Amino acid sequence: MLSFNESAPNHVCIVGAGPAGVVLSILLARRGIPVTLLEAQADFDRDFRGDTLHASAMEILDQMGLAEPVLKLCHARVDKFQLTSTEEKITMADFSCLDTLFPYVALIPQERFLTFMTEEAKKLPDFRLVMNAKVHDLIVENNKICGVTYMKDGKDHVVRASLTIGADGRGSRVREKAGIKLGKTTPPIDVIWFKLPRHQDNKTGNSTGGRFGTGVMLVMLDRGYEWQLGFVILKGSYKTLREAGMAAFHDELIKLAPELKSSISDLKDWSQCAILSVVTGRVNQWYKPGLLLIGDAAHVMSPVGGVGINYAIHDAVAAANALIEPLHKGNVTELDLADVQFRRERPIRFIQAVQSIIQRRIIANALKSDKPFRPPLLVRFMARFPFFQKKMARILAYGIQPETLQHR
């Protein structure tokens, strides 16, 4: 089925309705560029997607006029990120010190965020969303990618486009079909994700942060009505954890976070847990003629720091800034696509280096320890100073090269 103006010479096909794909769709469609957004799933209801929106992403949403309604979806605001061990609690990042309208991390379930954003996009005449559209292959003519083929409801469909954007995540089908290789690194950790209800009689303050025990670590995201929890383990040790049994797992969790005691019985079976094998990496070249990769399709992010959504949104803004004018002229060149990678590659390399240091020097050492873990002495010393707390907050919230909208 042809859309309103799918045959337009500047029609864009975006594959993947995650944060990068949805934000870029809105930015392009608002400027009169026809966009078809393809999403492989039937809805956005998938567990354990990132929830954290930092200040820089909120500022972009504010520039788009969407910050206020997005914040209505927010269940918690975190102004400090703290690491807690059996002996002490240290503040690694204090977001309340940032000079911004949004001096916190907003915890917004990604399902609600994407549902809201796609509803906003549907108000635009130059936007079309196709759910349950599983991309099959790329259309290549004269060495240029000219769209995709996809399957929906058992039938084959074709979308022709002057530019195809791969925003379909770490397992990107577009990246695979384009023959672009992801240079992977494998951090020495895996994460077991699960949820527990947060009962109203629990009077503790917001519990978001990291908890260290003896050879174990727990990441807590306190949504107000529930906890999203990540039990961090050494890569390959999940089998040993399961063999110890669910009761032993309960005991370990309560030791790390006593406030979970009233709801721990809700975790009855390992089927309630999802194991995330932590993989990071990036591609050497984000583009080919007629094709651009953004978000996790171009650079797979670690969960450390909860920055993945924010970097995906910044990729979308950089792409819009670089491509809106060439799209209006109907002439997007490889140089235009290279400009997006040139703009975004340095901040990606920087934050991945920071994540790698934290994973290998702090988290992995904690998991290998046979005694209660304490962060390195230098970290404990620096964390005493507000300057360090603010600097770390700024690195997580903004990185080294945040984007702003050039086309309002």
Protein backbone atom coordinates (compact mmCIF):
# COMPACT_ATOMS: atom_id res chain seq x y z
CA MET A 1 0.00 0.00 0.00
CA LEU A 2 1.41 3.36 -1.00
CA SER A 3 1.25 6.09 1.59
CA PHE A 4 0.38 9.77 1.07
CA ASN A 5 3.65 10.54 -0.75
CA GLU A 6 5.82 7.47 -0.45
CA SER A 7 7.05 8.06 -3.99
CA ALA A 8 8.38 11.52 -3.09
CA PRO A 9 12.03 11.99 -4.11
CA ASN A 10 13.02 12.72 -0.49
CA HIS A 11 11.08 9.89 1.16
CA VAL A 12 12.93 8.37 4.16
CA CYS A 13 12.44 4.85 5.51
CA ILE A 14 13.47 4.38 9.14
CA VAL A 15 13.73 0.82 10.45
CA GLY A 16 13.26 0.48 14.20
CA ALA A 17 10.83 2.46 16.37
CA GLY A 18 13.12 2.82 19.35
CA PRO A 19 14.11 6.22 20.78
CA ALA A 20 16.46 7.04 17.87
CA GLY A 21 14.01 6.08 15.15
CA VAL A 22 10.99 7.78 16.71
CA VAL A 23 12.76 11.06 17.49
CA LEU A 24 14.31 11.26 14.02
CA SER A 25 10.93 10.50 12.43
CA ILE A 26 9.32 13.43 14.24
CA LEU A 27 12.15 15.82 13.41
CA LEU A 28 12.02 14.96 9.71
CA ALA A 29 8.24 14.83 9.36
CA ARG A 30 7.87 18.20 11.07
CA ARG A 31 10.01 19.66 8.28
CA GLY A 32 7.80 18.18 5.58
CA ILE A 33 9.99 15.19 4.77
CA PRO A 34 7.86 12.05 4.28
CA VAL A 35 8.88 9.29 6.69
CA THR A 36 7.86 5.63 6.89
CA LEU A 37 8.81 4.10 10.25
CA LEU A 38 8.90 0.29 10.39
CA GLU A 39 8.76 -1.58 13.71
CA ALA A 40 9.27 -5.34 13.81
CA GLN A 41 7.14 -5.90 16.92
CA ALA A 42 3.38 -5.54 17.32
CA ASP A 43 3.73 -3.19 20.33
CA PHE A 44 6.32 -1.58 22.59
CA ASP A 45 5.63 -3.74 25.64
CA ARG A 46 8.96 -5.44 26.18
CA ASP A 47 10.62 -5.92 29.55
CA PHE A 48 13.90 -4.47 30.66
CA ARG A 49 14.36 -1.75 28.10
CA GLY A 50 16.20 1.30 29.38
CA ASP A 51 14.15 3.79 31.39
CA THR A 52 16.65 6.56 32.12
CA LEU A 53 16.43 9.96 30.44
CA HIS A 54 19.26 12.30 31.41
CA ALA A 55 19.21 16.09 31.32
CA SER A 56 20.61 16.40 27.79
CA ALA A 57 17.83 14.21 26.35
CA MET A 58 15.20 16.13 28.32
CA GLU A 59 16.59 19.40 26.92
CA ILE A 60 16.19 18.06 23.39
CA LEU A 61 12.60 17.06 24.16
CA ASP A 62 12.10 20.56 25.57
CA GLN A 63 13.36 22.05 22.29
CA MET A 64 10.82 19.83 20.54
CA GLY A 65 8.07 21.12 22.84
CA LEU A 66 7.55 17.66 24.34
CA ALA A 67 9.35 17.75 27.70
CA GLU A 68 6.30 18.66 29.78
CA PRO A 69 4.03 15.85 28.53
CA VAL A 70 6.90 13.35 28.66
CA LEU A 71 7.55 14.21 32.31
CA LYS A 72 3.93 13.34 33.06
CA LEU A 73 4.91 9.76 32.22
CA CYS A 74 7.76 9.90 34.75
CA HIS A 75 7.52 7.71 37.85
CA ALA A 76 10.65 8.89 39.65
CA ARG A 77 13.36 11.50 39.47
CA VAL A 78 16.82 10.57 40.68
CA ASP A 79 19.12 13.41 41.72
CA LYS A 80 22.07 11.32 42.94
CA PHE A 81 23.71 8.09 41.86
CA GLN A 82 25.21 6.30 44.83
CA LEU A 83 27.27 3.16 45.39
CA THR A 84 26.55 1.35 48.66
CA SER A 85 28.73 -1.30 50.25
CA THR A 86 28.54 -2.96 53.64
CA GLU A 87 30.78 -0.26 55.07
CA GLU A 88 29.82 3.00 53.37
CA LYS A 89 27.74 4.87 50.84
CA ILE A 90 29.44 7.16 48.34
CA THR A 91 27.86 9.60 45.92
CA MET A 92 29.35 9.12 42.48
CA ALA A 93 27.22 11.70 40.65
CA ASP A 94 25.06 14.55 41.92
CA PHE A 95 22.68 15.61 39.16
CA SER A 96 21.03 18.25 41.33
CA CYS A 97 24.14 20.42 40.84
CA LEU A 98 23.69 20.65 37.06
CA ASP A 99 22.72 24.01 35.59
CA THR A 100 19.64 22.86 33.71
CA LEU A 101 15.86 22.84 33.89
CA PHE A 102 16.17 19.07 34.43
CA PRO A 103 18.70 18.49 37.25
CA TYR A 104 17.88 14.81 37.66
CA VAL A 105 17.53 11.52 35.82
CA ALA A 106 13.91 10.86 34.83
CA LEU A 107 12.81 7.24 35.09
CA ILE A 108 10.22 6.75 32.35
CA PRO A 109 9.18 3.27 31.21
CA GLN A 110 10.29 3.06 27.59
CA GLU A 111 7.02 1.46 26.54
CA ARG A 112 5.10 4.58 27.65
CA PHE A 113 7.71 6.92 26.19
CA LEU A 114 7.63 5.28 22.76
CA THR A 115 3.85 5.02 22.75
CA PHE A 116 3.54 8.73 23.51
CA MET A 117 6.17 9.73 20.94
CA THR A 118 4.61 7.67 18.14
CA GLU A 119 1.18 9.16 18.93
CA GLU A 120 2.75 12.60 18.56
CA ALA A 121 4.31 11.56 15.27
CA LYS A 122 0.96 10.29 13.95
CA LYS A 123 -0.37 13.86 14.14
CA LEU A 124 2.02 14.81 11.34
CA PRO A 125 0.78 14.38 7.75
CA ASP A 126 4.21 13.30 6.53
CA PHE A 127 4.56 10.37 8.93
CA ARG A 128 3.50 6.75 8.60
CA LEU A 129 4.07 3.99 11.19
CA VAL A 130 3.91 0.29 10.28
CA MET A 131 3.98 -2.09 13.25
CA ASN A 132 4.74 -5.81 13.03
CA ALA A 133 6.83 -5.11 9.92
CA LYS A 134 9.76 -7.52 9.81
CA VAL A 135 12.42 -6.31 7.40
CA HIS A 136 13.54 -9.04 5.05
CA ASP A 137 16.15 -7.39 2.83
CA LEU A 138 17.52 -4.16 1.41
CA ILE A 139 16.74 -2.94 -2.11
CA VAL A 140 20.00 -2.21 -3.94
CA GLU A 141 20.14 -0.55 -7.34
CA ASN A 142 23.30 0.77 -9.00
CA ASN A 143 25.28 0.17 -5.79
CA LYS A 144 22.88 2.35 -3.78
CA ILE A 145 20.39 1.24 -1.13
CA CYS A 146 16.94 2.38 -2.23
CA GLY A 147 14.65 1.01 0.49
CA VAL A 148 13.67 -2.28 2.09
CA THR A 149 11.40 -5.27 1.68
CA TYR A 150 9.47 -6.43 4.72
CA MET A 151 6.84 -8.97 5.72
CA LYS A 152 3.61 -8.13 7.52
CA ASP A 153 0.62 -10.41 8.09
CA GLY A 154 2.24 -13.09 5.96
CA LYS A 155 2.57 -10.81 2.91
CA ASP A 156 5.62 -9.22 1.32
CA HIS A 157 5.77 -5.42 1.09
CA VAL A 158 8.19 -2.95 -0.45
CA VAL A 159 9.20 0.51 0.77
CA ARG A 160 11.31 2.53 -1.66
CA ALA A 161 13.21 5.46 -0.19
CA SER A 162 15.86 7.96 -1.12
CA LEU A 163 17.44 7.32 2.29
CA THR A 164 17.14 4.30 4.59
CA ILE A 165 17.97 4.67 8.28
CA GLY A 166 18.88 1.60 10.35
CA ALA A 167 17.78 2.31 13.93
CA ASP A 168 16.88 -1.27 14.76
CA GLY A 169 19.10 -1.89 17.76
CA ARG A 170 22.00 -4.09 18.72
CA GLY A 171 20.81 -7.02 16.62
CA SER A 172 20.23 -4.78 13.60
CA ARG A 173 18.82 -6.60 10.58
CA VAL A 174 19.65 -3.57 8.42
CA ARG A 175 23.28 -3.65 9.52
CA GLU A 176 23.49 -7.37 8.78
CA LYS A 177 21.94 -7.07 5.32
CA ALA A 178 24.22 -4.14 4.48
CA GLY A 179 27.24 -6.30 5.27
CA ILE A 180 28.48 -3.86 7.91
CA LYS A 181 30.41 -5.59 10.68
CA LEU A 182 30.06 -4.70 14.34
CA GLY A 183 33.39 -4.62 16.15
CA LYS A 184 32.43 -6.23 19.46
CA THR A 185 34.04 -6.14 22.86
CA THR A 186 32.75 -8.42 25.60
CA PRO A 187 32.92 -6.94 29.09
CA PRO A 188 33.46 -9.55 31.84
CA ILE A 189 29.93 -9.20 33.20
CA ASP A 190 26.35 -10.29 32.57
CA VAL A 191 23.20 -8.84 34.14
CA ILE A 192 20.13 -10.72 35.36
CA TRP A 193 17.15 -8.34 35.09
CA PHE A 194 13.88 -8.78 36.98
CA LYS A 195 11.15 -6.72 38.65
CA LEU A 196 9.63 -6.63 42.11
CA PRO A 197 6.65 -4.62 43.36
CA ARG A 198 7.38 -1.70 45.66
CA HIS A 199 4.79 -1.91 48.41
CA GLN A 200 3.27 1.30 49.70
CA ASP A 201 4.27 0.47 53.27
CA ASN A 202 7.94 0.66 52.31
CA LYS A 203 9.02 4.04 53.70
CA THR A 204 12.56 4.15 52.34
CA GLY A 205 13.59 7.01 50.07
CA ASN A 206 14.35 6.47 46.41
CA SER A 207 16.64 3.44 46.21
CA THR A 208 18.17 3.93 42.76
CA GLY A 209 21.86 3.10 42.78
CA GLY A 210 24.36 0.28 43.02
CA ARG A 211 24.80 -2.10 45.97
CA PHE A 212 28.00 -4.10 46.56
CA GLY A 213 28.32 -7.21 48.69
CA THR A 214 30.91 -9.98 48.77
CA GLY A 215 31.49 -10.93 45.16
CA VAL A 216 28.08 -9.61 44.10
CA MET A 217 26.48 -6.39 42.90
CA LEU A 218 22.90 -5.23 42.55
CA VAL A 219 21.69 -2.32 40.40
CA MET A 220 18.38 -0.84 41.56
CA LEU A 221 16.07 1.42 39.56
CA ASP A 222 13.33 2.65 41.87
CA ARG A 223 10.29 3.50 39.75
CA GLY A 224 8.17 4.40 42.78
CA TYR A 225 5.60 1.65 42.19
CA GLU A 226 8.15 -1.12 41.45
CA TRP A 227 11.84 -1.88 41.40
CA GLN A 228 13.66 -2.83 38.23
CA LEU A 229 16.66 -4.80 39.42
CA GLY A 230 19.86 -5.94 37.77
CA PHE A 231 21.91 -8.60 39.54
CA VAL A 232 25.41 -8.31 38.07
CA ILE A 233 27.47 -11.49 37.72
CA LEU A 234 30.73 -12.52 36.14
CA LYS A 235 30.23 -13.67 32.57
CA GLY A 236 29.48 -17.37 32.43
CA SER A 237 28.46 -17.74 36.11
CA TYR A 238 24.67 -17.83 35.61
CA LYS A 239 24.59 -21.65 35.73
CA THR A 240 26.28 -21.69 39.15
CA LEU A 241 23.80 -19.11 40.46
CA ARG A 242 20.84 -21.20 39.32
CA GLU A 243 22.26 -24.37 40.79
CA ALA A 244 22.42 -22.68 44.21
CA GLY A 245 18.65 -22.26 44.04
CA MET A 246 16.07 -19.50 44.27
CA ALA A 247 16.10 -19.44 48.08
CA ALA A 248 19.83 -18.66 48.13
CA PHE A 249 19.23 -15.94 45.52
CA HIS A 250 16.53 -14.41 47.74
CA ASP A 251 18.91 -14.38 50.72
CA GLU A 252 21.61 -12.66 48.70
CA LEU A 253 19.22 -10.01 47.46
CA ILE A 254 17.91 -9.21 50.94
CA LYS A 255 21.47 -8.88 52.25
CA LEU A 256 22.20 -6.34 49.54
CA ALA A 257 18.88 -4.49 49.80
CA PRO A 258 16.85 -5.17 52.98
CA GLU A 259 13.97 -3.06 51.62
CA LEU A 260 13.22 -5.89 49.16
CA LYS A 261 12.22 -8.24 51.99
CA SER A 262 8.49 -7.46 51.81
CA SER A 263 8.27 -8.24 48.08
CA ILE A 264 10.96 -10.89 47.51
CA SER A 265 8.37 -13.69 47.62
CA ASP A 266 6.99 -12.36 44.31
CA LEU A 267 10.16 -13.67 42.62
CA LYS A 268 9.21 -17.33 42.42
CA ASP A 269 10.94 -18.72 39.36
CA TRP A 270 13.94 -18.11 37.10
CA SER A 271 11.54 -17.61 34.20
CA GLN A 272 10.78 -14.18 35.73
CA CYS A 273 14.40 -13.17 35.06
CA ALA A 274 16.01 -12.15 31.80
CA ILE A 275 19.75 -12.54 31.39
CA LEU A 276 21.46 -9.80 29.42
CA SER A 277 24.82 -10.78 28.01
CA VAL A 278 26.64 -7.46 28.08
CA VAL A 279 28.24 -6.72 24.71
CA THR A 280 29.59 -3.38 23.55
CA GLY A 281 31.10 -2.20 20.31
CA ARG A 282 30.68 -0.02 17.24
CA VAL A 283 30.95 -0.24 13.48
CA ASN A 284 33.84 1.35 11.60
CA GLN A 285 31.59 3.04 9.06
CA TRP A 286 28.00 4.03 9.84
CA TYR A 287 26.90 4.52 6.24
CA LYS A 288 26.77 3.29 2.67
CA PRO A 289 25.22 5.05 -0.34
CA GLY A 290 21.56 5.53 0.58
CA LEU A 291 21.97 4.09 4.11
CA LEU A 292 22.80 5.41 7.60
CA LEU A 293 22.99 3.53 10.91
CA ILE A 294 22.25 5.28 14.22
CA GLY A 295 21.74 4.28 17.84
CA ASP A 296 22.63 0.75 18.91
CA ALA A 297 22.68 -0.32 15.25
CA ALA A 298 25.87 1.75 14.93
CA HIS A 299 27.24 1.44 18.46
CA VAL A 300 26.11 -1.09 21.06
CA MET A 301 26.13 0.52 24.49
CA SER A 302 26.74 -1.00 27.91
CA PRO A 303 24.01 -0.52 30.56
CA VAL A 304 26.58 1.21 32.81
CA GLY A 305 25.39 4.74 33.55
CA GLY A 306 22.03 4.27 31.86
CA VAL A 307 23.05 6.48 28.93
CA GLY A 308 21.95 4.37 25.95
CA ILE A 309 18.64 6.14 25.24
CA ASN A 310 20.30 9.52 25.47
CA TYR A 311 23.02 8.73 22.95
CA ALA A 312 20.41 7.30 20.60
CA ILE A 313 18.40 10.54 20.82
CA HIS A 314 21.53 12.62 20.21
CA ASP A 315 22.31 10.51 17.14
CA ALA A 316 18.82 11.31 15.85
CA VAL A 317 19.34 15.04 16.38
CA ALA A 318 22.74 14.97 14.67
CA ALA A 319 21.21 13.12 11.72
CA ALA A 320 18.35 15.63 11.45
CA ASN A 321 20.73 18.59 11.66
CA ALA A 322 22.96 17.20 8.91
CA LEU A 323 20.34 15.77 6.56
CA ILE A 324 17.24 17.98 6.53
CA GLU A 325 18.62 20.44 3.99
CA PRO A 326 20.10 17.78 1.66
CA LEU A 327 16.81 15.87 1.85
CA HIS A 328 14.86 18.98 0.87
CA LYS A 329 17.21 19.37 -2.11
CA GLY A 330 16.73 15.69 -2.96
CA ASN A 331 20.46 15.03 -2.93
CA VAL A 332 21.86 13.24 0.13
CA THR A 333 25.50 12.37 -0.54
CA GLU A 334 27.90 10.06 1.26
CA LEU A 335 29.62 13.17 2.60
CA ASP A 336 26.37 14.19 4.28
CA LEU A 337 26.10 10.75 5.88
CA ALA A 338 29.77 10.81 6.89
CA ASP A 339 29.13 14.13 8.61
CA VAL A 340 26.75 12.41 11.04
CA GLN A 341 29.35 9.80 11.96
CA PHE A 342 32.08 12.45 12.24
CA ARG A 343 29.91 14.44 14.65
CA ARG A 344 28.90 11.49 16.84
CA GLU A 345 31.86 9.10 16.80
CA ARG A 346 34.09 10.96 19.28
CA PRO A 347 31.44 11.21 22.03
CA ILE A 348 30.57 7.54 21.53
CA ARG A 349 34.21 6.48 21.83
CA PHE A 350 34.58 8.60 24.97
CA ILE A 351 31.55 7.25 26.85
CA GLN A 352 32.34 3.66 25.87
CA ALA A 353 35.86 4.14 27.26
CA VAL A 354 34.39 5.47 30.53
CA GLN A 355 32.00 2.50 30.70
CA SER A 356 34.86 0.07 30.05
CA ILE A 357 36.92 1.51 32.91
CA ILE A 358 33.98 1.21 35.32
CA GLN A 359 33.20 -2.34 34.16
CA ARG A 360 36.75 -3.65 34.42
CA ARG A 361 38.25 -1.62 37.28
CA ILE A 362 35.28 -1.46 39.65
CA ILE A 363 32.50 -3.91 38.78
CA ALA A 364 34.64 -6.88 37.67
CA ASN A 365 36.98 -6.45 40.66
CA ALA A 366 33.98 -6.36 42.98
CA LEU A 367 32.62 -9.60 41.53
CA LYS A 368 35.98 -11.34 41.89
CA SER A 369 36.45 -10.25 45.50
CA ASP A 370 36.13 -12.80 48.33
CA LYS A 371 35.50 -10.09 50.93
CA PRO A 372 33.13 -7.12 51.19
CA PHE A 373 34.04 -4.85 48.30
CA ARG A 374 34.99 -1.21 48.67
CA PRO A 375 35.51 1.01 45.62
CA PRO A 376 39.16 1.93 44.93
CA LEU A 377 40.70 4.37 47.40
CA LEU A 378 41.09 7.10 44.76
CA VAL A 379 37.39 6.82 43.87
CA ARG A 380 36.34 6.99 47.54
CA PHE A 381 38.59 10.01 48.08
CA MET A 382 37.42 11.91 44.98
CA ALA A 383 33.76 11.16 45.69
CA ARG A 384 33.99 13.20 48.89
CA PHE A 385 34.24 16.41 46.84
CA PRO A 386 31.19 18.10 45.27
CA PHE A 387 33.31 19.06 42.25
CA PHE A 388 33.87 15.36 41.42
CA GLN A 389 30.19 14.52 41.96
CA LYS A 390 29.14 17.33 39.63
CA LYS A 391 31.77 16.40 37.03
CA MET A 392 30.61 12.77 36.95
CA ALA A 393 26.99 13.92 36.71
CA ARG A 394 27.86 16.12 33.75
CA ILE A 395 29.77 13.30 31.99
CA LEU A 396 26.77 10.96 32.35
CA ALA A 397 24.18 13.60 31.50
CA TYR A 398 25.94 15.33 28.59
CA GLY A 399 29.08 13.46 27.56
CA ILE A 400 31.61 15.60 25.71
CA GLN A 401 29.57 16.81 22.74
CA PRO A 402 25.81 17.07 23.31
CA GLU A 403 23.56 17.92 20.39
CA THR A 404 21.01 20.72 20.05
CA LEU A 405 18.37 21.19 17.38
CA GLN A 406 19.39 23.48 14.54
CA HIS A 407 16.01 23.21 12.83
CA ARG A 408 13.18 24.30 15.13
